[in-house]
């Protein structure tokens, strides 16, 4: 049945390419708020679902793009395994394809790596209607360009993801979260200090004058690290990080524009009016602010990073900060190579792309 669905998707792409008809790739729609969504025909991939193969011994799982993320994670959990990059769902029916296309990672990102780091292989349809396979099911499988990982974060602008192979890891034996009440500047120093030590840190954030450090690993290692770091033990570590990951924490319950600033972790606090939640040891900084978009983006640029308007609120500002001319030229060349007619998700990532 899924072979029939993939052939149907391929035929839809072929028809669109022939008529230069733009397509908006759609799974469950859980990430529809991220990026510009053009008013064009929908290519629904949600029915192309199901786990293709799973080898717990080899720590590899392959699933079709429309597979619900919760179904994938449940299968892994039954074997005491997990997706190490802790992808946020932002919806009950979030799919694997949308997760990889958006390239989003959760609290463990700065310690375990990003979604892109765990992509081993991808099956996709390009803008010519060709079904292509990149990568495989091992960490080192090809020489040359790693095209499979190009799909992570491309927002569907390069092609239709049909299936993804991912590296998975065992769940940790023990996990706790420690809380310390300190200032923002102290928290940034503290998070960067401990992240540079040989400790089982797996998440670190700061919000509401409190620094939260998660320890995950062997029970003895966690206990030793707890004694070294000190602080109050969080009553429910799992639920706390779940609310951070899924933006269910009270901080995110606001109608104000929500900005995501990606900065060097060691960068001191930036003086922009608003409310802050610091994640990834300081590398990801959430900001609720009504400040001018140009000011926020310029401050982020001067600090060595960039700013994304994650949720717009009442503003119509572009979501993604434009890259440098050189990087933008690379984007255009990739777009031309994968989608020469420009039919996939027009403008979703950057205007004119």
Protein backbone atom coordinates (compact mmCIF):
# COMPACT_ATOMS: atom_id res chain seq x y z
CA UNK A 1 0.00 0.00 0.00
CA UNK A 2 2.76 2.46 0.91
CA UNK A 3 4.46 1.68 -2.41
CA UNK A 4 1.24 2.82 -4.09
CA UNK A 5 1.27 6.01 -1.99
CA UNK A 6 4.88 6.80 -2.88
CA UNK A 7 4.05 6.29 -6.56
CA UNK A 8 1.05 8.59 -6.20
CA UNK A 9 3.24 11.24 -4.59
CA UNK A 10 5.80 10.82 -7.34
CA UNK A 11 3.12 11.27 -10.02
CA UNK A 12 1.82 14.41 -8.31
CA UNK A 13 5.32 15.86 -8.31
CA UNK A 14 5.83 14.94 -11.97
CA UNK A 15 2.57 16.66 -12.89
CA UNK A 16 3.48 19.73 -10.86
CA UNK A 17 6.93 19.93 -12.44
CA UNK A 18 5.49 19.74 -15.96
CA UNK A 19 3.03 22.54 -15.27
CA UNK A 20 5.38 24.53 -12.97
CA UNK A 21 2.70 24.26 -10.28
CA UNK A 22 4.11 25.04 -6.79
CA UNK A 23 3.40 22.55 -4.01
CA UNK A 24 3.22 22.94 -0.24
CA UNK A 25 4.42 19.70 1.39
CA UNK A 26 2.27 18.85 4.39
CA UNK A 27 2.28 16.12 7.02
CA UNK A 28 0.23 16.78 10.15
CA UNK A 29 0.71 20.56 9.99
CA UNK A 30 2.21 20.73 13.50
CA UNK A 31 5.05 23.03 12.30
CA UNK A 32 2.87 25.16 10.00
CA UNK A 33 3.65 28.26 12.08
CA UNK A 34 7.35 28.08 11.24
CA UNK A 35 8.29 29.91 8.06
CA UNK A 36 6.21 31.46 5.29
CA UNK A 37 3.45 29.18 3.97
CA UNK A 38 2.43 30.00 0.41
CA UNK A 39 -1.17 29.67 -0.78
CA UNK A 40 -0.50 26.85 -3.27
CA UNK A 41 -1.61 23.25 -3.85
CA UNK A 42 -1.04 20.84 -0.96
CA UNK A 43 1.03 17.69 -1.31
CA UNK A 44 -0.19 15.57 1.60
CA UNK A 45 2.38 12.99 2.72
CA UNK A 46 0.66 11.97 5.97
CA UNK A 47 -0.65 8.65 4.57
CA UNK A 48 2.88 7.50 3.69
CA UNK A 49 3.60 6.11 7.12
CA UNK A 50 4.92 3.12 9.01
CA UNK A 51 8.20 1.76 10.36
CA UNK A 52 10.13 0.08 7.56
CA UNK A 53 12.81 -1.60 9.69
CA UNK A 54 14.18 -1.47 13.21
CA UNK A 55 17.25 -3.23 14.55
CA UNK A 56 17.66 -2.51 18.29
CA UNK A 57 21.04 -4.27 18.31
CA UNK A 58 22.41 -2.03 15.54
CA UNK A 59 20.66 1.04 17.01
CA UNK A 60 19.07 1.97 13.66
CA UNK A 61 15.46 2.64 12.72
CA UNK A 62 14.00 3.45 9.30
CA UNK A 63 10.50 4.86 8.93
CA UNK A 64 8.38 6.60 6.32
CA UNK A 65 7.96 10.35 6.47
CA UNK A 66 4.29 10.34 7.53
CA UNK A 67 4.96 8.11 10.55
CA UNK A 68 3.74 9.85 13.73
CA UNK A 69 6.66 10.77 15.95
CA UNK A 70 4.87 9.41 19.04
CA UNK A 71 4.50 6.02 17.31
CA UNK A 72 8.19 5.96 16.50
CA UNK A 73 9.19 6.96 20.03
CA UNK A 74 6.84 4.37 21.54
CA UNK A 75 8.46 1.61 19.48
CA UNK A 76 11.90 2.75 20.62
CA UNK A 77 10.79 3.04 24.24
CA UNK A 78 9.61 -0.58 24.26
CA UNK A 79 13.22 -1.54 23.51
CA UNK A 80 14.49 0.97 26.11
CA UNK A 81 15.87 3.22 23.36
CA UNK A 82 15.24 6.82 22.26
CA UNK A 83 15.89 9.56 19.74
CA UNK A 84 18.92 11.28 21.35
CA UNK A 85 18.12 14.76 19.98
CA UNK A 86 14.73 14.84 21.79
CA UNK A 87 12.69 16.37 18.94
CA UNK A 88 9.81 18.66 19.94
CA UNK A 89 6.41 17.62 18.59
CA UNK A 90 4.37 20.83 18.85
CA UNK A 91 1.29 18.72 18.12
CA UNK A 92 -0.17 15.27 18.82
CA UNK A 93 0.28 14.05 15.24
CA UNK A 94 3.76 15.41 14.49
CA UNK A 95 5.47 13.31 11.82
CA UNK A 96 9.00 12.09 11.28
CA UNK A 97 9.28 13.86 7.92
CA UNK A 98 8.27 17.23 9.37
CA UNK A 99 10.66 16.76 12.28
CA UNK A 100 13.63 16.21 9.98
CA UNK A 101 12.55 18.86 7.46
CA UNK A 102 12.42 21.48 10.23
CA UNK A 103 15.59 20.19 11.87
CA UNK A 104 14.35 20.90 15.37
CA UNK A 105 16.05 19.45 18.46
CA UNK A 106 15.16 19.45 22.15
CA UNK A 107 16.98 20.12 25.45
CA UNK A 108 19.71 17.53 24.84
CA UNK A 109 20.93 19.28 21.66
CA UNK A 110 24.09 20.85 23.10
CA UNK A 111 25.21 17.57 24.70
CA UNK A 112 23.98 14.80 22.37
CA UNK A 113 23.89 16.56 19.01
CA UNK A 114 21.23 17.79 16.60
CA UNK A 115 18.64 16.00 14.48
CA UNK A 116 20.98 16.31 11.49
CA UNK A 117 23.72 14.41 13.35
CA UNK A 118 21.55 11.29 13.61
CA UNK A 119 20.29 11.13 10.02
CA UNK A 120 21.93 8.14 8.33
CA UNK A 121 19.95 8.03 5.12
CA UNK A 122 17.03 9.58 3.27
CA UNK A 123 14.71 8.48 0.47
CA UNK A 124 13.17 11.45 -1.34
CA UNK A 125 11.49 12.79 -4.48
CA UNK A 126 13.32 15.66 -6.15
CA UNK A 127 11.82 18.43 -8.28
CA UNK A 128 12.14 16.34 -11.43
CA UNK A 129 9.95 13.64 -9.94
CA UNK A 130 12.87 11.24 -9.46
CA UNK A 131 13.02 9.00 -6.39
CA UNK A 132 16.52 9.23 -4.92
CA UNK A 133 18.26 7.39 -2.09
CA UNK A 134 21.08 8.97 -0.09
CA UNK A 135 23.16 7.53 2.73
CA UNK A 136 22.32 4.20 4.30
CA UNK A 137 21.98 2.63 7.73
CA UNK A 138 25.46 3.11 9.19
CA UNK A 139 27.29 6.24 10.35
CA UNK A 140 29.95 6.09 7.59
CA UNK A 141 28.50 4.70 4.40
CA UNK A 142 29.44 6.94 1.45
CA UNK A 143 32.17 9.18 0.15
CA UNK A 144 31.39 12.61 -1.28
CA UNK A 145 28.51 14.92 -0.42
CA UNK A 146 26.27 14.01 2.51
CA UNK A 147 23.00 14.80 0.73
CA UNK A 148 20.84 12.98 3.28
CA UNK A 149 21.68 15.51 5.99
CA UNK A 150 20.95 18.41 3.64
CA UNK A 151 17.28 17.57 4.12
CA UNK A 152 17.49 18.35 7.86
CA UNK A 153 16.42 21.96 8.26
CA UNK A 154 15.72 22.54 4.55
CA UNK A 155 12.01 23.02 5.36
CA UNK A 156 11.00 20.86 2.40
CA UNK A 157 12.48 23.28 -0.14
CA UNK A 158 14.74 20.64 -1.73
CA UNK A 159 12.34 17.74 -2.09
CA UNK A 160 9.74 15.43 -0.60
CA UNK A 161 11.13 13.20 2.14
CA UNK A 162 9.72 9.67 1.75
CA UNK A 163 11.68 7.81 4.43
CA UNK A 164 14.47 8.44 6.93
CA UNK A 165 17.01 6.18 8.63
CA UNK A 166 18.11 7.35 12.06
CA UNK A 167 20.72 6.38 14.60
CA UNK A 168 19.14 5.82 18.03
CA UNK A 169 20.62 5.32 21.51
CA UNK A 170 19.73 3.43 24.71
CA UNK A 171 17.86 5.32 27.41
CA UNK A 172 19.92 6.43 30.38
CA UNK A 173 19.77 4.39 33.58
CA UNK A 174 19.25 7.40 35.87
CA UNK A 175 18.16 11.01 35.47
CA UNK A 176 17.75 13.94 37.84
CA UNK A 177 17.54 17.74 37.56
CA UNK A 178 19.24 20.14 39.98
CA UNK A 179 17.99 23.69 40.63
CA UNK A 180 20.07 26.64 41.80
CA UNK A 181 18.79 30.20 42.30
CA UNK A 182 21.33 32.56 40.69
CA UNK A 183 21.46 35.55 38.33
CA UNK A 184 21.45 35.27 34.53
CA UNK A 185 25.14 36.15 34.19
CA UNK A 186 26.01 33.63 36.91
CA UNK A 187 23.88 31.00 35.20
CA UNK A 188 25.67 31.44 31.86
CA UNK A 189 29.03 31.07 33.61
CA UNK A 190 27.79 28.08 35.61
CA UNK A 191 26.31 26.23 32.63
CA UNK A 192 29.43 26.72 30.53
CA UNK A 193 31.69 25.75 33.41
CA UNK A 194 29.95 22.45 34.14
CA UNK A 195 29.47 21.60 30.46
CA UNK A 196 33.24 21.73 30.08
CA UNK A 197 33.73 19.10 32.79
CA UNK A 198 33.55 15.34 32.46
CA UNK A 199 30.04 15.12 33.89
CA UNK A 200 26.85 13.37 32.69
CA UNK A 201 25.09 16.64 31.82
CA UNK A 202 22.27 16.22 29.31
CA UNK A 203 20.42 19.57 29.50
CA UNK A 204 20.91 23.03 30.98
CA UNK A 205 18.61 26.05 31.00
CA UNK A 206 17.83 29.21 32.94
CA UNK A 207 14.43 30.80 33.60
CA UNK A 208 12.88 32.82 36.39
CA UNK A 209 16.14 33.34 38.33
CA UNK A 210 16.73 29.60 38.46
CA UNK A 211 19.36 27.49 36.71
CA UNK A 212 18.30 23.92 35.83
CA UNK A 213 20.93 21.25 35.18
CA UNK A 214 19.87 17.76 34.08
CA UNK A 215 22.13 14.79 34.78
CA UNK A 216 21.59 11.54 32.83
CA UNK A 217 23.66 8.38 32.83
CA UNK A 218 24.82 5.57 35.08
CA UNK A 219 23.42 5.84 38.60
CA UNK A 220 26.85 6.22 40.23
CA UNK A 221 27.97 8.89 37.77
CA UNK A 222 24.76 10.88 38.33
CA UNK A 223 25.10 10.65 42.12
CA UNK A 224 28.74 11.79 42.03
CA UNK A 225 27.88 14.73 39.77
CA UNK A 226 24.98 15.70 42.01
CA UNK A 227 27.29 15.85 45.01
CA UNK A 228 29.78 17.98 43.07
CA UNK A 229 27.29 20.48 41.62
CA UNK A 230 24.85 20.73 44.51
CA UNK A 231 21.45 22.36 44.46
CA UNK A 232 17.84 21.45 45.07
CA UNK A 233 16.52 18.26 43.49
CA UNK A 234 13.64 18.86 41.05
CA UNK A 235 10.52 16.90 42.01
CA UNK A 236 9.69 15.87 38.42
CA UNK A 237 12.63 16.14 36.05
CA UNK A 238 10.91 14.49 33.06
CA UNK A 239 7.84 16.70 33.09
CA UNK A 240 9.87 19.88 33.48
CA UNK A 241 11.99 19.23 30.38
CA UNK A 242 8.90 18.10 28.50
CA UNK A 243 7.31 21.52 29.09
CA UNK A 244 10.48 23.24 27.89
CA UNK A 245 10.72 21.06 24.79
CA UNK A 246 7.06 21.39 23.79
CA UNK A 247 6.74 25.07 24.75
CA UNK A 248 4.17 24.22 27.42
CA UNK A 249 6.13 26.00 30.15
CA UNK A 250 4.38 29.17 31.41
CA UNK A 251 7.13 31.28 29.80
CA UNK A 252 5.84 30.33 26.34
CA UNK A 253 2.18 31.07 27.13
CA UNK A 254 2.27 34.59 25.75
CA UNK A 255 0.85 36.46 22.76
CA UNK A 256 4.03 38.49 22.35
CA UNK A 257 6.42 37.69 19.48
CA UNK A 258 8.69 34.77 20.42
CA UNK A 259 12.27 35.02 19.17
CA UNK A 260 14.85 32.26 19.09
CA UNK A 261 18.42 33.55 19.20
CA UNK A 262 21.21 31.14 18.26
CA UNK A 263 24.44 32.42 19.82
CA UNK A 264 27.83 31.19 21.02
CA UNK A 265 27.07 29.58 24.39
CA UNK A 266 29.69 31.65 26.23
CA UNK A 267 28.29 34.98 24.98
CA UNK A 268 27.19 37.28 27.86
CA UNK A 269 23.57 38.33 28.18
CA UNK A 270 22.29 40.64 25.43
CA UNK A 271 20.57 43.85 26.48
CA UNK A 272 17.22 43.61 24.65
CA UNK A 273 14.03 44.48 26.58
CA UNK A 274 11.83 41.47 27.18
CA UNK A 275 11.65 38.14 28.99
CA UNK A 276 14.35 35.51 28.50
CA UNK A 277 14.58 31.73 28.78
CA UNK A 278 18.08 30.40 28.18
CA UNK A 279 18.54 26.85 26.86
CA UNK A 280 21.37 24.67 25.50
CA UNK A 281 23.87 26.15 28.00
CA UNK A 282 23.30 29.57 26.43
CA UNK A 283 23.44 28.57 22.75
CA UNK A 284 19.66 28.85 22.36
CA UNK A 285 17.99 31.89 23.91
CA UNK A 286 14.24 32.41 23.79
CA UNK A 287 13.05 36.01 23.94
CA UNK A 288 9.54 37.42 24.37
CA UNK A 289 9.82 40.97 23.13
CA UNK A 290 7.98 43.71 21.24
CA UNK A 291 11.29 45.28 20.23
CA UNK A 292 11.96 46.12 16.58
CA UNK A 293 12.95 43.06 14.51
CA UNK A 294 15.87 44.92 12.93
CA UNK A 295 17.27 45.74 16.37
CA UNK A 296 16.97 42.16 17.62
CA UNK A 297 18.58 40.72 14.50
CA UNK A 298 21.39 43.27 14.51
CA UNK A 299 22.13 42.53 18.18
CA UNK A 300 22.18 38.80 17.45
CA UNK A 301 24.49 39.35 14.49
CA UNK A 302 26.89 41.44 16.55
CA UNK A 303 26.92 38.70 19.20
CA UNK A 304 28.02 36.13 16.61
CA UNK A 305 24.66 34.50 15.91
CA UNK A 306 21.28 35.01 14.32
CA UNK A 307 17.63 35.46 15.32
CA UNK A 308 14.54 33.54 14.18
CA UNK A 309 11.02 34.84 14.74
CA UNK A 310 9.70 31.54 16.02
CA UNK A 311 6.14 32.74 16.62
CA UNK A 312 5.03 35.99 15.09
CA UNK A 313 2.43 37.31 17.49
CA UNK A 314 0.94 40.37 15.78
CA UNK A 315 3.98 41.14 13.59
CA UNK A 316 4.45 40.21 9.92
CA UNK A 317 8.25 40.16 10.03
CA UNK A 318 10.05 37.42 8.07
CA UNK A 319 10.70 34.35 10.20
CA UNK A 320 14.29 33.51 9.25
CA UNK A 321 17.19 35.93 9.28
CA UNK A 322 18.73 36.15 5.80
CA UNK A 323 22.21 34.59 5.54
CA UNK A 324 25.22 36.30 3.99
CA UNK A 325 25.35 36.67 0.21
CA UNK A 326 27.81 33.80 -0.10
CA UNK A 327 25.68 31.39 1.91
CA UNK A 328 22.55 32.50 0.07
CA UNK A 329 24.27 31.71 -3.22
CA UNK A 330 24.90 28.17 -1.96
CA UNK A 331 21.21 27.85 -1.07
CA UNK A 332 20.23 28.93 -4.59
CA UNK A 333 22.61 26.43 -6.18
CA UNK A 334 21.25 23.60 -4.05
CA UNK A 335 17.71 24.62 -4.89
CA UNK A 336 18.56 24.62 -8.60
CA UNK A 337 20.15 21.17 -8.35
CA UNK A 338 17.34 19.51 -6.42
CA UNK A 339 14.30 21.51 -7.52
CA UNK A 340 15.07 23.33 -10.80
CA UNK A 341 11.46 24.37 -11.42
CA UNK A 342 11.14 25.75 -7.87
CA UNK A 343 7.94 23.86 -7.07
CA UNK A 344 8.61 22.80 -3.46
CA UNK A 345 7.55 25.03 -0.55
CA UNK A 346 8.20 28.35 -2.32
CA UNK A 347 9.45 31.01 0.10
CA UNK A 348 9.09 28.74 3.13
CA UNK A 349 12.72 29.22 4.16
CA UNK A 350 13.73 32.48 2.47
CA UNK A 351 11.92 34.83 0.04
CA UNK A 352 12.55 33.86 -3.58
CA UNK A 353 13.86 30.40 -2.69
